Amino acid sequence: MPARHAATLPEGGAEDYDRLAPAVWNPVSNAVVAAADILLGERVLDVFAATGTGTIPAAQLAGPDGHIDAVDRSSAMLDLAEAKAEALGLGNVSFHRTDPAFWTPNAPYDAVVSCYGVFLLDDMDAGMDRIVRMLRPGGRVALSAWDDGALEPFGDLLLDTIRATVASDGTAAGSSAAPVFVENRRRLASGDRLQEWLLARGLDDVRVEKLGLTVPLEPDHAWSLALGSGYRGLLPDEPELLQRVREAFVERLGEEFVLNADSLIAVASYAPADQARARMDQPSAPNHP
C-alpha cells in the first residue's frame, strides 16, 4: 500500500490533531517558539503549521507590526488555525494552503519555526535547504523532533496492525511501505543526529535540548493521534477496513497506554557561506590573564 500525504485524505485529520493539542502539541510548540526568541515586528515562517499550535504564540510575540506566514498542505488544518487567529484578533497572520517545499516568500524571514513539521518534507534535506535560504543572514531556525524511543511502541504497533489487517483483506500489504515522516523522524532521533543535520543545512550555533513528555492515552485519543499525524497517510481509505484497523489497534494498545512523547527542541542561526568565511578570517581576540 503506497503511503500518501495526510492532506489528501478526507478532513485532513485536523480535528483529531487538535484533540491532542493540550497534552502534546501546545507544550512542545510553545517551547519551539520560545527557543526562536521572536521579537516585536519580526517576520516568521511556520513550516507545516497544522492547526496553529506554533503560529498563534509566534503571532502574539511578533505583535501587530510583525507578520507570520503559516504554510501547510492541509486546508482543513489551516481552517482551524485561521479560526483561532480570528477569535484572538490576530491580524498579522497569512495562511497559505500549499506545500512548504515549494513556498516562495516576498521577503526574507527573521525566524523559521516548525513543530514536528520537517519530517513531512518529501525530500527532507533539499526541502530544508531551500527553507533555510529564506532566512535573512543571522535569522533563526527553531524546531521540534522526536527523541530516540519516542512514539514507540505506538508507531510499530500501528504499522504492524495496518499491515496485518490489510493483508487479511486480500490487499497487497506493502510491508516495506511507511510514511515519509517515519523514516525522516528516525534520522533525527537523537540530539547528535539533529545537530549534525542542522549543521549540514548551513546553520550555525546549533543548540539542542531535551523535553521529557509522557502522555496517558485513552483509546479514542490514541486513534486521534493516528489520524492526526503523519501516520494517517498509510491508513486505508475504505471505511470498513479503516474501522477494523482501529479496533485491532486499540485492542493491542490496551486501556492504559502511556505515550512516550520525549522531544528535542533545537535552535540554530543562519550564516551564509560568505558571512561564515568572513567571520572565520577575523583575527581572534587576544586572551587576557
C-alpha atoms as a PDB file:
ATOM      1  CA  MET A   1       0.000   0.000   0.000  1.00  0.00           C
ATOM      2  CA  PRO A   2       1.661   3.270  -1.009  1.00  0.00           C
ATOM      3  CA  ALA A   3       1.958   5.999   1.602  1.00  0.00           C
ATOM      4  CA  ARG A   4       0.012   9.168   0.879  1.00  0.00           C
ATOM      5  CA  HIS A   5       0.074  12.674   2.278  1.00  0.00           C
ATOM      6  CA  ALA A   6      -2.305  13.166   5.199  1.00  0.00           C
ATOM      7  CA  ALA A   7      -3.675  16.266   3.486  1.00  0.00           C
ATOM      8  CA  THR A   8      -5.076  14.203   0.610  1.00  0.00           C
ATOM      9  CA  LEU A   9      -7.399  12.250   2.894  1.00  0.00           C
ATOM     10  CA  PRO A  10     -10.924  13.313   3.945  1.00  0.00           C
ATOM     11  CA  GLU A  11     -10.902  16.131   6.534  1.00  0.00           C
ATOM     12  CA  GLY A  12      -7.109  16.007   6.737  1.00  0.00           C
ATOM     13  CA  GLY A  13      -7.155  14.818  10.380  1.00  0.00           C
ATOM     14  CA  ALA A  14      -7.483  18.401  11.641  1.00  0.00           C
ATOM     15  CA  GLU A  15      -9.922  17.769  14.488  1.00  0.00           C
ATOM     16  CA  ASP A  16      -8.045  14.638  15.523  1.00  0.00           C
ATOM     17  CA  TYR A  17      -4.785  16.573  15.548  1.00  0.00           C
ATOM     18  CA  ASP A  18      -6.306  19.326  17.660  1.00  0.00           C
ATOM     19  CA  ARG A  19      -7.655  16.826  20.184  1.00  0.00           C
ATOM     20  CA  LEU A  20      -4.043  16.113  21.193  1.00  0.00           C
ATOM     21  CA  ALA A  21      -3.049  19.801  21.281  1.00  0.00           C
ATOM     22  CA  PRO A  22      -3.420  20.420  25.037  1.00  0.00           C
ATOM     23  CA  ALA A  23      -1.352  17.368  26.004  1.00  0.00           C
ATOM     24  CA  VAL A  24       1.260  17.208  23.235  1.00  0.00           C
ATOM     25  CA  TRP A  25       1.358  19.848  20.517  1.00  0.00           C
ATOM     26  CA  ASN A  26       0.830  23.001  22.609  1.00  0.00           C
ATOM     27  CA  PRO A  27       3.582  22.488  25.211  1.00  0.00           C
ATOM     28  CA  VAL A  28       6.086  21.454  22.554  1.00  0.00           C
ATOM     29  CA  SER A  29       5.116  24.276  20.183  1.00  0.00           C
ATOM     30  CA  ASN A  30       5.407  26.819  22.982  1.00  0.00           C
ATOM     31  CA  ALA A  31       8.928  25.552  23.679  1.00  0.00           C
ATOM     32  CA  VAL A  32       9.839  25.850  19.973  1.00  0.00           C
ATOM     33  CA  VAL A  33       8.516  29.403  19.713  1.00  0.00           C
ATOM     34  CA  ALA A  34      10.302  30.390  22.933  1.00  0.00           C
ATOM     35  CA  ALA A  35      13.558  28.977  21.529  1.00  0.00           C
ATOM     36  CA  ALA A  36      13.106  31.087  18.377  1.00  0.00           C
ATOM     37  CA  ASP A  37      13.191  34.226  20.553  1.00  0.00           C
ATOM     38  CA  ILE A  38      10.739  36.084  18.313  1.00  0.00           C
ATOM     39  CA  LEU A  39      10.809  39.857  18.717  1.00  0.00           C
ATOM     40  CA  LEU A  40       8.227  42.536  18.023  1.00  0.00           C
ATOM     41  CA  GLY A  41       7.978  43.371  14.334  1.00  0.00           C
ATOM     42  CA  GLU A  42       9.713  40.233  13.050  1.00  0.00           C
ATOM     43  CA  ARG A  43       8.741  38.126  10.059  1.00  0.00           C
ATOM     44  CA  VAL A  44       8.261  34.420  10.812  1.00  0.00           C
ATOM     45  CA  LEU A  45       7.566  31.321   8.714  1.00  0.00           C
ATOM     46  CA  ASP A  46       5.724  28.393  10.324  1.00  0.00           C
ATOM     47  CA  VAL A  47       6.524  25.242   8.309  1.00  0.00           C
ATOM     48  CA  PHE A  48       3.655  22.729   8.356  1.00  0.00           C
ATOM     49  CA  ALA A  49       1.683  24.984  10.654  1.00  0.00           C
ATOM     50  CA  ALA A  50      -1.135  22.434  11.168  1.00  0.00           C
ATOM     51  CA  THR A  51      -3.847  23.919  13.393  1.00  0.00           C
ATOM     52  CA  GLY A  52      -1.694  26.834  14.502  1.00  0.00           C
ATOM     53  CA  THR A  53      -0.092  25.492  17.660  1.00  0.00           C
ATOM     54  CA  GLY A  54       3.112  27.355  16.787  1.00  0.00           C
ATOM     55  CA  THR A  55       1.547  30.057  14.634  1.00  0.00           C
ATOM     56  CA  ILE A  56      -0.582  31.573  17.388  1.00  0.00           C
ATOM     57  CA  PRO A  57       2.156  32.113  20.013  1.00  0.00           C
ATOM     58  CA  ALA A  58       4.542  33.329  17.294  1.00  0.00           C
ATOM     59  CA  ALA A  59       1.969  35.903  16.135  1.00  0.00           C
ATOM     60  CA  GLN A  60       1.415  37.079  19.685  1.00  0.00           C
ATOM     61  CA  LEU A  61       5.140  37.631  20.193  1.00  0.00           C
ATOM     62  CA  ALA A  62       5.684  39.343  16.816  1.00  0.00           C
ATOM     63  CA  GLY A  63       2.905  41.834  17.533  1.00  0.00           C
ATOM     64  CA  PRO A  64       0.841  43.852  15.071  1.00  0.00           C
ATOM     65  CA  ASP A  65       3.920  45.144  13.232  1.00  0.00           C
ATOM     66  CA  GLY A  66       5.262  41.631  12.689  1.00  0.00           C
ATOM     67  CA  HIS A  67       3.992  39.016  10.271  1.00  0.00           C
ATOM     68  CA  ILE A  68       3.603  35.248  10.311  1.00  0.00           C
ATOM     69  CA  ASP A  69       3.251  33.080   7.197  1.00  0.00           C
ATOM     70  CA  ALA A  70       1.573  29.815   8.192  1.00  0.00           C
ATOM     71  CA  VAL A  71       2.097  27.212   5.457  1.00  0.00           C
ATOM     72  CA  ASP A  72       0.623  23.720   5.270  1.00  0.00           C
ATOM     73  CA  ARG A  73      -0.676  21.273   2.658  1.00  0.00           C
ATOM     74  CA  SER A  74      -3.864  20.680   4.626  1.00  0.00           C
ATOM     75  CA  SER A  75      -6.685  23.157   4.109  1.00  0.00           C
ATOM     76  CA  ALA A  76      -8.613  21.569   6.978  1.00  0.00           C
ATOM     77  CA  MET A  77      -5.713  22.137   9.374  1.00  0.00           C
ATOM     78  CA  LEU A  78      -5.298  25.769   8.339  1.00  0.00           C
ATOM     79  CA  ASP A  79      -9.045  26.386   8.538  1.00  0.00           C
ATOM     80  CA  LEU A  80      -8.841  25.632  12.260  1.00  0.00           C
ATOM     81  CA  ALA A  81      -5.688  27.723  12.650  1.00  0.00           C
ATOM     82  CA  GLU A  82      -7.332  30.661  10.885  1.00  0.00           C
ATOM     83  CA  ALA A  83     -10.405  30.414  13.114  1.00  0.00           C
ATOM     84  CA  LYS A  84      -8.169  30.566  16.201  1.00  0.00           C
ATOM     85  CA  ALA A  85      -6.312  33.616  14.898  1.00  0.00           C
ATOM     86  CA  GLU A  86      -9.593  35.392  14.137  1.00  0.00           C
ATOM     87  CA  ALA A  87     -11.001  34.562  17.577  1.00  0.00           C
ATOM     88  CA  LEU A  88      -7.912  36.120  19.194  1.00  0.00           C
ATOM     89  CA  GLY A  89      -7.979  39.175  16.931  1.00  0.00           C
ATOM     90  CA  LEU A  90      -4.618  38.398  15.378  1.00  0.00           C
ATOM     91  CA  GLY A  91      -4.415  40.254  12.076  1.00  0.00           C
ATOM     92  CA  ASN A  92      -0.730  39.621  11.461  1.00  0.00           C
ATOM     93  CA  VAL A  93      -1.019  36.073  10.077  1.00  0.00           C
ATOM     94  CA  SER A  94      -1.387  34.893   6.482  1.00  0.00           C
ATOM     95  CA  PHE A  95      -2.433  31.293   5.807  1.00  0.00           C
ATOM     96  CA  HIS A  96      -1.083  29.553   2.720  1.00  0.00           C
ATOM     97  CA  ARG A  97      -2.529  26.209   1.611  1.00  0.00           C
ATOM     98  CA  THR A  98       0.428  24.833  -0.278  1.00  0.00           C
ATOM     99  CA  ASP A  99       3.389  22.515   0.117  1.00  0.00           C
ATOM    100  CA  PRO A 100       6.066  24.262   2.231  1.00  0.00           C
ATOM    101  CA  ALA A 101       8.733  22.727  -0.021  1.00  0.00           C
ATOM    102  CA  PHE A 102       7.522  24.996  -2.831  1.00  0.00           C
ATOM    103  CA  TRP A 103       6.591  28.076  -0.835  1.00  0.00           C
ATOM    104  CA  THR A 104       8.172  31.333  -2.039  1.00  0.00           C
ATOM    105  CA  PRO A 105       8.060  34.384   0.271  1.00  0.00           C
ATOM    106  CA  ASN A 106       8.118  38.010  -0.817  1.00  0.00           C
ATOM    107  CA  ALA A 107      10.813  38.952   1.708  1.00  0.00           C
ATOM    108  CA  PRO A 108      13.340  37.150   3.932  1.00  0.00           C
ATOM    109  CA  TYR A 109      12.329  35.895   7.365  1.00  0.00           C
ATOM    110  CA  ASP A 110      13.800  36.656  10.751  1.00  0.00           C
ATOM    111  CA  ALA A 111      12.828  33.219  12.032  1.00  0.00           C
ATOM    112  CA  VAL A 112      11.531  29.870  10.841  1.00  0.00           C
ATOM    113  CA  VAL A 113       9.672  27.583  13.242  1.00  0.00           C
ATOM    114  CA  SER A 114       8.460  24.045  12.669  1.00  0.00           C
ATOM    115  CA  CYS A 115       6.751  21.827  15.226  1.00  0.00           C
ATOM    116  CA  TYR A 116       7.481  18.257  14.068  1.00  0.00           C
ATOM    117  CA  GLY A 117       6.917  19.553  10.528  1.00  0.00           C
ATOM    118  CA  VAL A 118      10.232  18.922   8.790  1.00  0.00           C
ATOM    119  CA  PHE A 119       9.526  15.155   8.821  1.00  0.00           C
ATOM    120  CA  LEU A 120       6.709  15.715   6.331  1.00  0.00           C
ATOM    121  CA  LEU A 121       9.010  17.074   3.623  1.00  0.00           C
ATOM    122  CA  ASP A 122       9.265  14.512   0.821  1.00  0.00           C
ATOM    123  CA  ASP A 123      12.973  15.268   0.448  1.00  0.00           C
ATOM    124  CA  MET A 124      13.840  16.455   3.935  1.00  0.00           C
ATOM    125  CA  ASP A 125      17.368  17.600   3.127  1.00  0.00           C
ATOM    126  CA  ALA A 126      16.640  19.512  -0.077  1.00  0.00           C
ATOM    127  CA  GLY A 127      13.380  20.898   1.293  1.00  0.00           C
ATOM    128  CA  MET A 128      15.010  22.236   4.444  1.00  0.00           C
ATOM    129  CA  ASP A 129      17.973  23.621   2.488  1.00  0.00           C
ATOM    130  CA  ARG A 130      15.527  25.686   0.468  1.00  0.00           C
ATOM    131  CA  ILE A 131      13.635  26.848   3.555  1.00  0.00           C
ATOM    132  CA  VAL A 132      16.837  27.892   5.319  1.00  0.00           C
ATOM    133  CA  ARG A 133      17.722  30.144   2.383  1.00  0.00           C
ATOM    134  CA  MET A 134      14.510  32.085   3.052  1.00  0.00           C
ATOM    135  CA  LEU A 135      16.127  33.497   6.200  1.00  0.00           C
ATOM    136  CA  ARG A 136      17.966  36.766   6.398  1.00  0.00           C
ATOM    137  CA  PRO A 137      21.609  36.443   7.493  1.00  0.00           C
ATOM    138  CA  GLY A 138      21.563  35.923  11.230  1.00  0.00           C
ATOM    139  CA  GLY A 139      17.992  34.627  11.197  1.00  0.00           C
ATOM    140  CA  ARG A 140      16.999  31.694  13.396  1.00  0.00           C
ATOM    141  CA  VAL A 141      15.530  28.243  12.896  1.00  0.00           C
ATOM    142  CA  ALA A 142      13.694  26.576  15.790  1.00  0.00           C
ATOM    143  CA  LEU A 143      12.080  23.175  15.526  1.00  0.00           C
ATOM    144  CA  SER A 144      10.993  20.107  17.430  1.00  0.00           C
ATOM    145  CA  ALA A 145      11.850  16.496  16.705  1.00  0.00           C
ATOM    146  CA  TRP A 146      11.042  13.211  18.414  1.00  0.00           C
ATOM    147  CA  ASP A 147      13.787  11.902  20.677  1.00  0.00           C
ATOM    148  CA  ASP A 148      15.148   8.370  20.457  1.00  0.00           C
ATOM    149  CA  GLY A 149      12.459   5.945  21.613  1.00  0.00           C
ATOM    150  CA  ALA A 150       9.599   8.419  21.273  1.00  0.00           C
ATOM    151  CA  LEU A 151       6.356   7.222  19.653  1.00  0.00           C
ATOM    152  CA  GLU A 152       7.298   3.626  20.419  1.00  0.00           C
ATOM    153  CA  PRO A 153       5.819   1.137  20.693  1.00  0.00           C
ATOM    154  CA  PHE A 154       2.880   3.195  19.383  1.00  0.00           C
ATOM    155  CA  GLY A 155       4.253   3.546  15.850  1.00  0.00           C
ATOM    156  CA  ASP A 156       5.395  -0.036  15.396  1.00  0.00           C
ATOM    157  CA  LEU A 157       2.099  -1.400  16.758  1.00  0.00           C
ATOM    158  CA  LEU A 158       0.121   0.807  14.393  1.00  0.00           C
ATOM    159  CA  LEU A 159       2.148  -0.134  11.316  1.00  0.00           C
ATOM    160  CA  ASP A 160       2.019  -3.842  12.200  1.00  0.00           C
ATOM    161  CA  THR A 161      -1.750  -3.613  12.690  1.00  0.00           C
ATOM    162  CA  ILE A 162      -2.250  -1.873   9.362  1.00  0.00           C
ATOM    163  CA  ARG A 163      -0.185  -4.456   7.512  1.00  0.00           C
ATOM    164  CA  ALA A 164      -1.876  -7.419   9.189  1.00  0.00           C
ATOM    165  CA  THR A 165      -5.399  -6.057   8.669  1.00  0.00           C
ATOM    166  CA  VAL A 166      -4.859  -5.017   5.056  1.00  0.00           C
ATOM    167  CA  ALA A 167      -3.176  -8.333   4.236  1.00  0.00           C
ATOM    168  CA  SER A 168      -6.068 -10.298   5.763  1.00  0.00           C
ATOM    169  CA  ASP A 169      -8.413  -8.375   3.471  1.00  0.00           C
ATOM    170  CA  GLY A 170      -6.581  -9.792   0.460  1.00  0.00           C
ATOM    171  CA  THR A 171      -4.972  -6.476  -0.465  1.00  0.00           C
ATOM    172  CA  ALA A 172      -1.233  -6.190  -1.030  1.00  0.00           C
ATOM    173  CA  ALA A 173       0.077  -5.041   2.317  1.00  0.00           C
ATOM    174  CA  GLY A 174       3.244  -3.394   1.095  1.00  0.00           C
ATOM    175  CA  SER A 175       5.176  -4.449   4.177  1.00  0.00           C
ATOM    176  CA  SER A 176       8.106  -2.196   3.357  1.00  0.00           C
ATOM    177  CA  ALA A 177       5.921   0.877   2.904  1.00  0.00           C
ATOM    178  CA  ALA A 178       5.949   3.536   5.584  1.00  0.00           C
ATOM    179  CA  PRO A 179       5.012   7.193   5.680  1.00  0.00           C
ATOM    180  CA  VAL A 180       7.850   9.514   4.719  1.00  0.00           C
ATOM    181  CA  PHE A 181       7.861  11.044   8.168  1.00  0.00           C
ATOM    182  CA  VAL A 182       8.587   7.698   9.869  1.00  0.00           C
ATOM    183  CA  GLU A 183      11.963   7.371   8.169  1.00  0.00           C
ATOM    184  CA  ASN A 184      12.669  11.085   8.469  1.00  0.00           C
ATOM    185  CA  ARG A 185      11.990  11.212  12.194  1.00  0.00           C
ATOM    186  CA  ARG A 186      14.239   8.196  12.787  1.00  0.00           C
ATOM    187  CA  ARG A 187      17.068  10.027  11.027  1.00  0.00           C
ATOM    188  CA  LEU A 188      16.860  12.875  13.558  1.00  0.00           C
ATOM    189  CA  ALA A 189      16.003  10.851  16.671  1.00  0.00           C
ATOM    190  CA  SER A 190      18.885  11.949  18.894  1.00  0.00           C
ATOM    191  CA  GLY A 191      20.457  15.231  19.889  1.00  0.00           C
ATOM    192  CA  ASP A 192      23.658  14.421  17.995  1.00  0.00           C
ATOM    193  CA  ARG A 193      21.859  13.428  14.795  1.00  0.00           C
ATOM    194  CA  LEU A 194      19.669  16.508  14.873  1.00  0.00           C
ATOM    195  CA  GLN A 195      22.640  18.783  15.492  1.00  0.00           C
ATOM    196  CA  GLU A 196      24.634  17.234  12.656  1.00  0.00           C
ATOM    197  CA  TRP A 197      21.677  17.532  10.284  1.00  0.00           C
ATOM    198  CA  LEU A 198      21.180  21.220  11.077  1.00  0.00           C
ATOM    199  CA  LEU A 199      24.891  21.942  10.672  1.00  0.00           C
ATOM    200  CA  ALA A 200      24.755  20.232   7.261  1.00  0.00           C
ATOM    201  CA  ARG A 201      21.969  22.626   6.279  1.00  0.00           C
ATOM    202  CA  GLY A 202      24.400  25.565   6.614  1.00  0.00           C
ATOM    203  CA  LEU A 203      23.207  26.576  10.072  1.00  0.00           C
ATOM    204  CA  ASP A 204      25.437  27.737  12.888  1.00  0.00           C
ATOM    205  CA  ASP A 205      25.397  27.896  16.692  1.00  0.00           C
ATOM    206  CA  VAL A 206      23.149  24.829  16.930  1.00  0.00           C
ATOM    207  CA  ARG A 207      21.714  24.074  20.363  1.00  0.00           C
ATOM    208  CA  VAL A 208      19.529  21.075  21.185  1.00  0.00           C
ATOM    209  CA  GLU A 209      17.654  20.485  24.427  1.00  0.00           C
ATOM    210  CA  LYS A 210      15.602  17.517  25.549  1.00  0.00           C
ATOM    211  CA  LEU A 211      11.984  17.901  26.614  1.00  0.00           C
ATOM    212  CA  GLY A 212      10.684  14.885  28.511  1.00  0.00           C
ATOM    213  CA  LEU A 213       6.985  14.237  27.978  1.00  0.00           C
ATOM    214  CA  THR A 214       4.724  11.265  28.694  1.00  0.00           C
ATOM    215  CA  VAL A 215       1.015  11.325  27.870  1.00  0.00           C
ATOM    216  CA  PRO A 216      -1.599   8.791  29.044  1.00  0.00           C
ATOM    217  CA  LEU A 217      -3.794   7.996  26.029  1.00  0.00           C
ATOM    218  CA  GLU A 218      -7.305   6.655  26.182  1.00  0.00           C
ATOM    219  CA  PRO A 219      -8.274   4.560  23.126  1.00  0.00           C
ATOM    220  CA  ASP A 220     -10.107   7.450  21.413  1.00  0.00           C
ATOM    221  CA  HIS A 221      -7.143   9.781  21.856  1.00  0.00           C
ATOM    222  CA  ALA A 222      -4.711   7.121  20.679  1.00  0.00           C
ATOM    223  CA  TRP A 223      -6.721   6.760  17.485  1.00  0.00           C
ATOM    224  CA  SER A 224      -6.802  10.546  17.117  1.00  0.00           C
ATOM    225  CA  LEU A 225      -3.012  10.532  17.177  1.00  0.00           C
ATOM    226  CA  ALA A 226      -3.010   8.018  14.326  1.00  0.00           C
ATOM    227  CA  LEU A 227      -5.496  10.080  12.300  1.00  0.00           C
ATOM    228  CA  GLY A 228      -3.977  13.467  13.080  1.00  0.00           C
ATOM    229  CA  SER A 229      -0.313  12.656  12.454  1.00  0.00           C
ATOM    230  CA  GLY A 230       1.814  11.587   9.505  1.00  0.00           C
ATOM    231  CA  TYR A 231       0.667   8.001  10.067  1.00  0.00           C
ATOM    232  CA  ARG A 232      -2.655   8.998   8.510  1.00  0.00           C
ATOM    233  CA  GLY A 233      -1.084   8.692   5.081  1.00  0.00           C
ATOM    234  CA  LEU A 234      -0.812   4.922   5.427  1.00  0.00           C
ATOM    235  CA  LEU A 235      -4.313   4.195   6.701  1.00  0.00           C
ATOM    236  CA  PRO A 236      -6.741   2.526   4.266  1.00  0.00           C
ATOM    237  CA  ASP A 237      -9.435   4.590   2.545  1.00  0.00           C
ATOM    238  CA  GLU A 238     -12.262   2.070   2.864  1.00  0.00           C
ATOM    239  CA  PRO A 239     -14.367   2.912   5.959  1.00  0.00           C
ATOM    240  CA  GLU A 240     -14.976  -0.741   6.825  1.00  0.00           C
ATOM    241  CA  LEU A 241     -11.303  -1.635   6.611  1.00  0.00           C
ATOM    242  CA  LEU A 242     -10.335   1.521   8.489  1.00  0.00           C
ATOM    243  CA  GLN A 243     -12.693   0.553  11.312  1.00  0.00           C
ATOM    244  CA  ARG A 244     -11.110  -2.889  11.500  1.00  0.00           C
ATOM    245  CA  VAL A 245      -7.664  -1.311  11.781  1.00  0.00           C
ATOM    246  CA  ARG A 246      -8.936   0.917  14.579  1.00  0.00           C
ATOM    247  CA  GLU A 247     -10.481  -1.932  16.542  1.00  0.00           C
ATOM    248  CA  ALA A 248      -7.415  -4.141  16.251  1.00  0.00           C
ATOM    249  CA  PHE A 249      -5.045  -1.297  17.072  1.00  0.00           C
ATOM    250  CA  VAL A 250      -6.758  -0.018  20.225  1.00  0.00           C
ATOM    251  CA  GLU A 251      -7.115  -3.592  21.445  1.00  0.00           C
ATOM    252  CA  ARG A 252      -3.362  -4.086  21.091  1.00  0.00           C
ATOM    253  CA  LEU A 253      -2.624  -0.804  22.882  1.00  0.00           C
ATOM    254  CA  GLY A 254      -4.893  -1.542  25.832  1.00  0.00           C
ATOM    255  CA  GLU A 255      -6.855   0.813  28.067  1.00  0.00           C
ATOM    256  CA  GLU A 256      -3.923   2.294  29.995  1.00  0.00           C
ATOM    257  CA  PHE A 257      -1.392   3.080  27.284  1.00  0.00           C
ATOM    258  CA  VAL A 258       1.146   5.820  28.041  1.00  0.00           C
ATOM    259  CA  LEU A 259       2.708   7.565  25.055  1.00  0.00           C
ATOM    260  CA  ASN A 260       6.415   8.318  25.096  1.00  0.00           C
ATOM    261  CA  ALA A 261       6.417  11.834  23.611  1.00  0.00           C
ATOM    262  CA  ASP A 262      10.003  12.750  24.540  1.00  0.00           C
ATOM    263  CA  SER A 263      11.098  15.515  22.208  1.00  0.00           C
ATOM    264  CA  LEU A 264      14.085  17.556  21.130  1.00  0.00           C
ATOM    265  CA  ILE A 265      13.942  21.341  20.835  1.00  0.00           C
ATOM    266  CA  ALA A 266      16.604  22.757  18.523  1.00  0.00           C
ATOM    267  CA  VAL A 267      17.553  26.308  17.624  1.00  0.00           C
ATOM    268  CA  ALA A 268      20.223  27.474  15.177  1.00  0.00           C
ATOM    269  CA  SER A 269      21.348  30.585  13.318  1.00  0.00           C
ATOM    270  CA  TYR A 270      21.704  31.104   9.597  1.00  0.00           C
ATOM    271  CA  ALA A 271      25.141  32.209   8.477  1.00  0.00           C
ATOM    272  CA  PRO A 272      25.546  32.239   4.667  1.00  0.00           C
ATOM    273  CA  ALA A 273      28.842  30.794   3.468  1.00  0.00           C
ATOM    274  CA  ASP A 274      30.466  34.128   2.645  1.00  0.00           C
ATOM    275  CA  GLN A 275      29.463  35.560   6.021  1.00  0.00           C
ATOM    276  CA  ALA A 276      30.751  32.483   7.836  1.00  0.00           C
ATOM    277  CA  ARG A 277      34.074  32.670   5.963  1.00  0.00           C
ATOM    278  CA  ALA A 278      34.450  36.360   6.835  1.00  0.00           C
ATOM    279  CA  ARG A 279      33.872  35.581  10.492  1.00  0.00           C
ATOM    280  CA  MET A 280      36.475  32.799  10.409  1.00  0.00           C
ATOM    281  CA  ASP A 281      39.000  35.135   8.747  1.00  0.00           C
ATOM    282  CA  GLN A 282      38.704  37.696  11.523  1.00  0.00           C
ATOM    283  CA  PRO A 283      41.622  37.625  13.976  1.00  0.00           C
ATOM    284  CA  SER A 284      40.848  36.037  17.287  1.00  0.00           C
ATOM    285  CA  ALA A 285      40.535  38.270  20.308  1.00  0.00           C
ATOM    286  CA  PRO A 286      43.660  38.106  22.466  1.00  0.00           C
ATOM    287  CA  ASN A 287      43.483  36.054  25.613  1.00  0.00           C
ATOM    288  CA  HIS A 288      43.893  38.116  28.764  1.00  0.00           C
ATOM    289  CA  PRO A 289      45.048  36.668  32.014  1.00  0.00           C
END
